[in-house]
């Protein structure tokens, strides 16, 4: 096989591996992220123990029991799918709010929360503290499991 053939085989294998990894990891809720400058809010130490929406225009948009906070951009196709899923869950689960933020127009918040791609969904508890997050469009079942772990919702 020629050098060009080997390059093609390696490129195809890498593309397949990346595609499989993205299919496996997209929409999965896992962990939290340190909130930059969080100690300036509420006098709390940095980390997920602070209201991530404090001192923003969305501070009063929290749900009674949990909030699905979605970061999107205008031309993001997976963002539309995430919006539909999160809105569906928020409409049907009492005490849960869905808040969508345009990442392009809120760069300071995006940087502070460590959002690196859209869609990113943060599940916040009743006090606005980040419980878990997912990048990519989550499935309805994944959202319900994440809510169950946050506030005993399902």
C-alpha atoms as a PDB file:
ATOM      1  CA  UNK A   1       0.000   0.000   0.000  1.00  0.00           C
ATOM      2  CA  UNK A   2       1.268   3.467  -0.834  1.00  0.00           C
ATOM      3  CA  UNK A   3       1.855   6.270   1.669  1.00  0.00           C
ATOM      4  CA  UNK A   4      -1.286   8.004   0.458  1.00  0.00           C
ATOM      5  CA  UNK A   5      -3.301   4.869   1.100  1.00  0.00           C
ATOM      6  CA  UNK A   6      -2.004   4.625   4.659  1.00  0.00           C
ATOM      7  CA  UNK A   7      -2.802   8.289   5.282  1.00  0.00           C
ATOM      8  CA  UNK A   8      -6.336   7.682   4.031  1.00  0.00           C
ATOM      9  CA  UNK A   9      -6.788   4.614   6.271  1.00  0.00           C
ATOM     10  CA  UNK A  10      -5.522   6.506   9.339  1.00  0.00           C
ATOM     11  CA  UNK A  11      -7.725   9.530   8.570  1.00  0.00           C
ATOM     12  CA  UNK A  12     -10.831   7.375   8.156  1.00  0.00           C
ATOM     13  CA  UNK A  13     -10.063   5.445  11.369  1.00  0.00           C
ATOM     14  CA  UNK A  14      -9.565   8.689  13.286  1.00  0.00           C
ATOM     15  CA  UNK A  15     -12.816  10.131  11.925  1.00  0.00           C
ATOM     16  CA  UNK A  16     -14.750   6.992  12.881  1.00  0.00           C
ATOM     17  CA  UNK A  17     -13.210   6.977  16.377  1.00  0.00           C
ATOM     18  CA  UNK A  18     -14.072  10.665  16.876  1.00  0.00           C
ATOM     19  CA  UNK A  19     -17.629  10.089  15.644  1.00  0.00           C
ATOM     20  CA  UNK A  20     -18.133   7.137  17.982  1.00  0.00           C
ATOM     21  CA  UNK A  21     -16.738   9.101  20.932  1.00  0.00           C
ATOM     22  CA  UNK A  22     -19.020  12.077  20.184  1.00  0.00           C
ATOM     23  CA  UNK A  23     -22.054   9.803  19.833  1.00  0.00           C
ATOM     24  CA  UNK A  24     -21.236   8.200  23.190  1.00  0.00           C
ATOM     25  CA  UNK A  25     -20.455  11.426  25.089  1.00  0.00           C
ATOM     26  CA  UNK A  26     -22.971  13.955  23.687  1.00  0.00           C
ATOM     27  CA  UNK A  27     -25.819  14.769  26.018  1.00  0.00           C
ATOM     28  CA  UNK A  28     -24.414  12.850  28.997  1.00  0.00           C
ATOM     29  CA  UNK A  29     -24.650  14.624  32.325  1.00  0.00           C
ATOM     30  CA  UNK A  30     -21.482  14.470  34.360  1.00  0.00           C
ATOM     31  CA  UNK A  31     -19.814  16.533  37.020  1.00  0.00           C
ATOM     32  CA  UNK A  32     -19.763  20.246  37.508  1.00  0.00           C
ATOM     33  CA  UNK A  33     -17.367  23.040  36.708  1.00  0.00           C
ATOM     34  CA  UNK A  34     -15.678  25.557  38.954  1.00  0.00           C
ATOM     35  CA  UNK A  35     -17.371  28.921  38.630  1.00  0.00           C
ATOM     36  CA  UNK A  36     -14.745  31.600  38.056  1.00  0.00           C
ATOM     37  CA  UNK A  37     -14.974  34.534  40.406  1.00  0.00           C
ATOM     38  CA  UNK A  38     -17.619  32.743  42.459  1.00  0.00           C
ATOM     39  CA  UNK A  39     -16.182  33.985  45.733  1.00  0.00           C
ATOM     40  CA  UNK A  40     -17.310  37.478  44.718  1.00  0.00           C
ATOM     41  CA  UNK A  41     -20.909  36.182  44.778  1.00  0.00           C
ATOM     42  CA  UNK A  42     -22.553  35.520  48.134  1.00  0.00           C
ATOM     43  CA  UNK A  43     -19.161  35.290  49.868  1.00  0.00           C
ATOM     44  CA  UNK A  44     -18.964  31.574  49.106  1.00  0.00           C
ATOM     45  CA  UNK A  45     -15.858  29.659  48.071  1.00  0.00           C
ATOM     46  CA  UNK A  46     -15.408  28.977  44.344  1.00  0.00           C
ATOM     47  CA  UNK A  47     -17.160  25.922  43.026  1.00  0.00           C
ATOM     48  CA  UNK A  48     -20.648  24.597  42.452  1.00  0.00           C
ATOM     49  CA  UNK A  49     -21.893  25.849  45.856  1.00  0.00           C
ATOM     50  CA  UNK A  50     -22.936  29.276  44.519  1.00  0.00           C
ATOM     51  CA  UNK A  51     -25.903  30.564  42.542  1.00  0.00           C
ATOM     52  CA  UNK A  52     -24.477  30.627  39.016  1.00  0.00           C
ATOM     53  CA  UNK A  53     -27.080  33.181  37.896  1.00  0.00           C
ATOM     54  CA  UNK A  54     -26.513  35.618  40.778  1.00  0.00           C
ATOM     55  CA  UNK A  55     -26.133  39.215  39.572  1.00  0.00           C
ATOM     56  CA  UNK A  56     -27.398  38.377  36.058  1.00  0.00           C
ATOM     57  CA  UNK A  57     -30.653  39.264  34.354  1.00  0.00           C
ATOM     58  CA  UNK A  58     -31.689  35.627  34.828  1.00  0.00           C
ATOM     59  CA  UNK A  59     -31.335  35.561  38.625  1.00  0.00           C
ATOM     60  CA  UNK A  60     -35.121  35.551  39.125  1.00  0.00           C
ATOM     61  CA  UNK A  61     -35.789  32.842  36.526  1.00  0.00           C
ATOM     62  CA  UNK A  62     -34.988  29.878  38.789  1.00  0.00           C
ATOM     63  CA  UNK A  63     -37.520  27.103  39.098  1.00  0.00           C
ATOM     64  CA  UNK A  64     -38.988  26.224  42.488  1.00  0.00           C
ATOM     65  CA  UNK A  65     -37.213  22.865  42.552  1.00  0.00           C
ATOM     66  CA  UNK A  66     -34.712  22.901  39.681  1.00  0.00           C
ATOM     67  CA  UNK A  67     -33.663  24.836  36.590  1.00  0.00           C
ATOM     68  CA  UNK A  68     -32.491  23.544  33.215  1.00  0.00           C
ATOM     69  CA  UNK A  69     -30.046  26.229  32.054  1.00  0.00           C
ATOM     70  CA  UNK A  70     -29.214  25.903  28.349  1.00  0.00           C
ATOM     71  CA  UNK A  71     -26.464  27.777  26.524  1.00  0.00           C
ATOM     72  CA  UNK A  72     -27.139  27.992  22.781  1.00  0.00           C
ATOM     73  CA  UNK A  73     -26.099  29.856  19.654  1.00  0.00           C
ATOM     74  CA  UNK A  74     -28.209  30.996  16.723  1.00  0.00           C
ATOM     75  CA  UNK A  75     -26.942  28.552  14.080  1.00  0.00           C
ATOM     76  CA  UNK A  76     -26.559  25.473  16.276  1.00  0.00           C
ATOM     77  CA  UNK A  77     -28.766  22.594  15.069  1.00  0.00           C
ATOM     78  CA  UNK A  78     -28.279  20.447  18.208  1.00  0.00           C
ATOM     79  CA  UNK A  79     -29.339  23.507  20.243  1.00  0.00           C
ATOM     80  CA  UNK A  80     -32.799  23.349  18.690  1.00  0.00           C
ATOM     81  CA  UNK A  81     -33.129  19.685  19.625  1.00  0.00           C
ATOM     82  CA  UNK A  82     -31.940  20.438  23.169  1.00  0.00           C
ATOM     83  CA  UNK A  83     -34.419  23.341  23.428  1.00  0.00           C
ATOM     84  CA  UNK A  84     -37.329  21.071  22.489  1.00  0.00           C
ATOM     85  CA  UNK A  85     -36.289  18.349  24.930  1.00  0.00           C
ATOM     86  CA  UNK A  86     -35.650  20.706  27.853  1.00  0.00           C
ATOM     87  CA  UNK A  87     -38.848  22.695  27.258  1.00  0.00           C
ATOM     88  CA  UNK A  88     -40.851  19.450  27.076  1.00  0.00           C
ATOM     89  CA  UNK A  89     -39.444  18.257  30.407  1.00  0.00           C
ATOM     90  CA  UNK A  90     -39.882  21.664  32.091  1.00  0.00           C
ATOM     91  CA  UNK A  91     -43.533  21.843  30.984  1.00  0.00           C
ATOM     92  CA  UNK A  92     -44.321  18.432  32.409  1.00  0.00           C
ATOM     93  CA  UNK A  93     -42.295  18.350  35.634  1.00  0.00           C
ATOM     94  CA  UNK A  94     -43.661  20.641  38.360  1.00  0.00           C
ATOM     95  CA  UNK A  95     -41.239  23.178  39.798  1.00  0.00           C
ATOM     96  CA  UNK A  96     -38.736  22.930  36.931  1.00  0.00           C
ATOM     97  CA  UNK A  97     -37.883  25.931  34.761  1.00  0.00           C
ATOM     98  CA  UNK A  98     -36.081  26.007  31.413  1.00  0.00           C
ATOM     99  CA  UNK A  99     -33.867  29.033  30.799  1.00  0.00           C
ATOM    100  CA  UNK A 100     -32.091  29.431  27.460  1.00  0.00           C
ATOM    101  CA  UNK A 101     -29.184  31.855  27.173  1.00  0.00           C
ATOM    102  CA  UNK A 102     -27.616  32.985  23.907  1.00  0.00           C
ATOM    103  CA  UNK A 103     -23.928  32.261  24.475  1.00  0.00           C
ATOM    104  CA  UNK A 104     -22.807  34.821  21.899  1.00  0.00           C
ATOM    105  CA  UNK A 105     -24.495  37.673  23.769  1.00  0.00           C
ATOM    106  CA  UNK A 106     -23.417  36.616  27.272  1.00  0.00           C
ATOM    107  CA  UNK A 107     -19.715  35.879  26.852  1.00  0.00           C
ATOM    108  CA  UNK A 108     -18.780  36.945  30.376  1.00  0.00           C
ATOM    109  CA  UNK A 109     -21.198  34.407  31.868  1.00  0.00           C
ATOM    110  CA  UNK A 110     -20.057  31.748  29.390  1.00  0.00           C
ATOM    111  CA  UNK A 111     -16.431  32.276  30.440  1.00  0.00           C
ATOM    112  CA  UNK A 112     -17.261  32.376  34.132  1.00  0.00           C
ATOM    113  CA  UNK A 113     -19.165  29.083  33.934  1.00  0.00           C
ATOM    114  CA  UNK A 114     -16.620  27.385  31.684  1.00  0.00           C
ATOM    115  CA  UNK A 115     -18.982  26.725  28.774  1.00  0.00           C
ATOM    116  CA  UNK A 116     -16.839  25.688  25.803  1.00  0.00           C
ATOM    117  CA  UNK A 117     -19.415  24.436  23.320  1.00  0.00           C
ATOM    118  CA  UNK A 118     -23.105  24.640  22.533  1.00  0.00           C
ATOM    119  CA  UNK A 119     -25.456  23.294  23.472  1.00  0.00           C
ATOM    120  CA  UNK A 120     -24.392  23.016  27.091  1.00  0.00           C
ATOM    121  CA  UNK A 121     -27.058  22.275  29.686  1.00  0.00           C
ATOM    122  CA  UNK A 122     -26.556  22.935  33.383  1.00  0.00           C
ATOM    123  CA  UNK A 123     -28.958  21.448  35.903  1.00  0.00           C
ATOM    124  CA  UNK A 124     -29.328  23.867  38.797  1.00  0.00           C
ATOM    125  CA  UNK A 125     -30.924  23.122  42.146  1.00  0.00           C
ATOM    126  CA  UNK A 126     -33.589  25.361  43.696  1.00  0.00           C
ATOM    127  CA  UNK A 127     -30.876  27.768  44.912  1.00  0.00           C
ATOM    128  CA  UNK A 128     -29.208  28.099  41.508  1.00  0.00           C
ATOM    129  CA  UNK A 129     -26.222  25.897  42.318  1.00  0.00           C
ATOM    130  CA  UNK A 130     -24.888  23.752  39.515  1.00  0.00           C
ATOM    131  CA  UNK A 131     -25.505  20.082  40.138  1.00  0.00           C
ATOM    132  CA  UNK A 132     -24.422  18.580  36.828  1.00  0.00           C
ATOM    133  CA  UNK A 133     -23.891  19.528  33.185  1.00  0.00           C
ATOM    134  CA  UNK A 134     -24.015  18.034  29.725  1.00  0.00           C
ATOM    135  CA  UNK A 135     -22.565  19.116  26.409  1.00  0.00           C
ATOM    136  CA  UNK A 136     -24.510  18.190  23.324  1.00  0.00           C
ATOM    137  CA  UNK A 137     -28.242  17.592  23.067  1.00  0.00           C
ATOM    138  CA  UNK A 138     -29.436  15.391  25.933  1.00  0.00           C
ATOM    139  CA  UNK A 139     -32.229  12.879  25.556  1.00  0.00           C
ATOM    140  CA  UNK A 140     -35.389  13.205  27.642  1.00  0.00           C
ATOM    141  CA  UNK A 141     -34.444  10.193  29.781  1.00  0.00           C
ATOM    142  CA  UNK A 142     -31.049  11.696  30.569  1.00  0.00           C
ATOM    143  CA  UNK A 143     -32.641  14.961  31.680  1.00  0.00           C
ATOM    144  CA  UNK A 144     -35.130  13.170  33.921  1.00  0.00           C
ATOM    145  CA  UNK A 145     -32.361  11.135  35.573  1.00  0.00           C
ATOM    146  CA  UNK A 146     -30.332  14.304  36.166  1.00  0.00           C
ATOM    147  CA  UNK A 147     -33.379  16.006  37.699  1.00  0.00           C
ATOM    148  CA  UNK A 148     -34.013  12.978  39.901  1.00  0.00           C
ATOM    149  CA  UNK A 149     -30.522  13.257  41.326  1.00  0.00           C
ATOM    150  CA  UNK A 150     -30.892  17.009  41.938  1.00  0.00           C
ATOM    151  CA  UNK A 151     -34.265  17.370  43.586  1.00  0.00           C
ATOM    152  CA  UNK A 152     -35.889  13.979  43.694  1.00  0.00           C
ATOM    153  CA  UNK A 153     -37.856  14.810  40.553  1.00  0.00           C
ATOM    154  CA  UNK A 154     -38.806  12.383  37.875  1.00  0.00           C
END
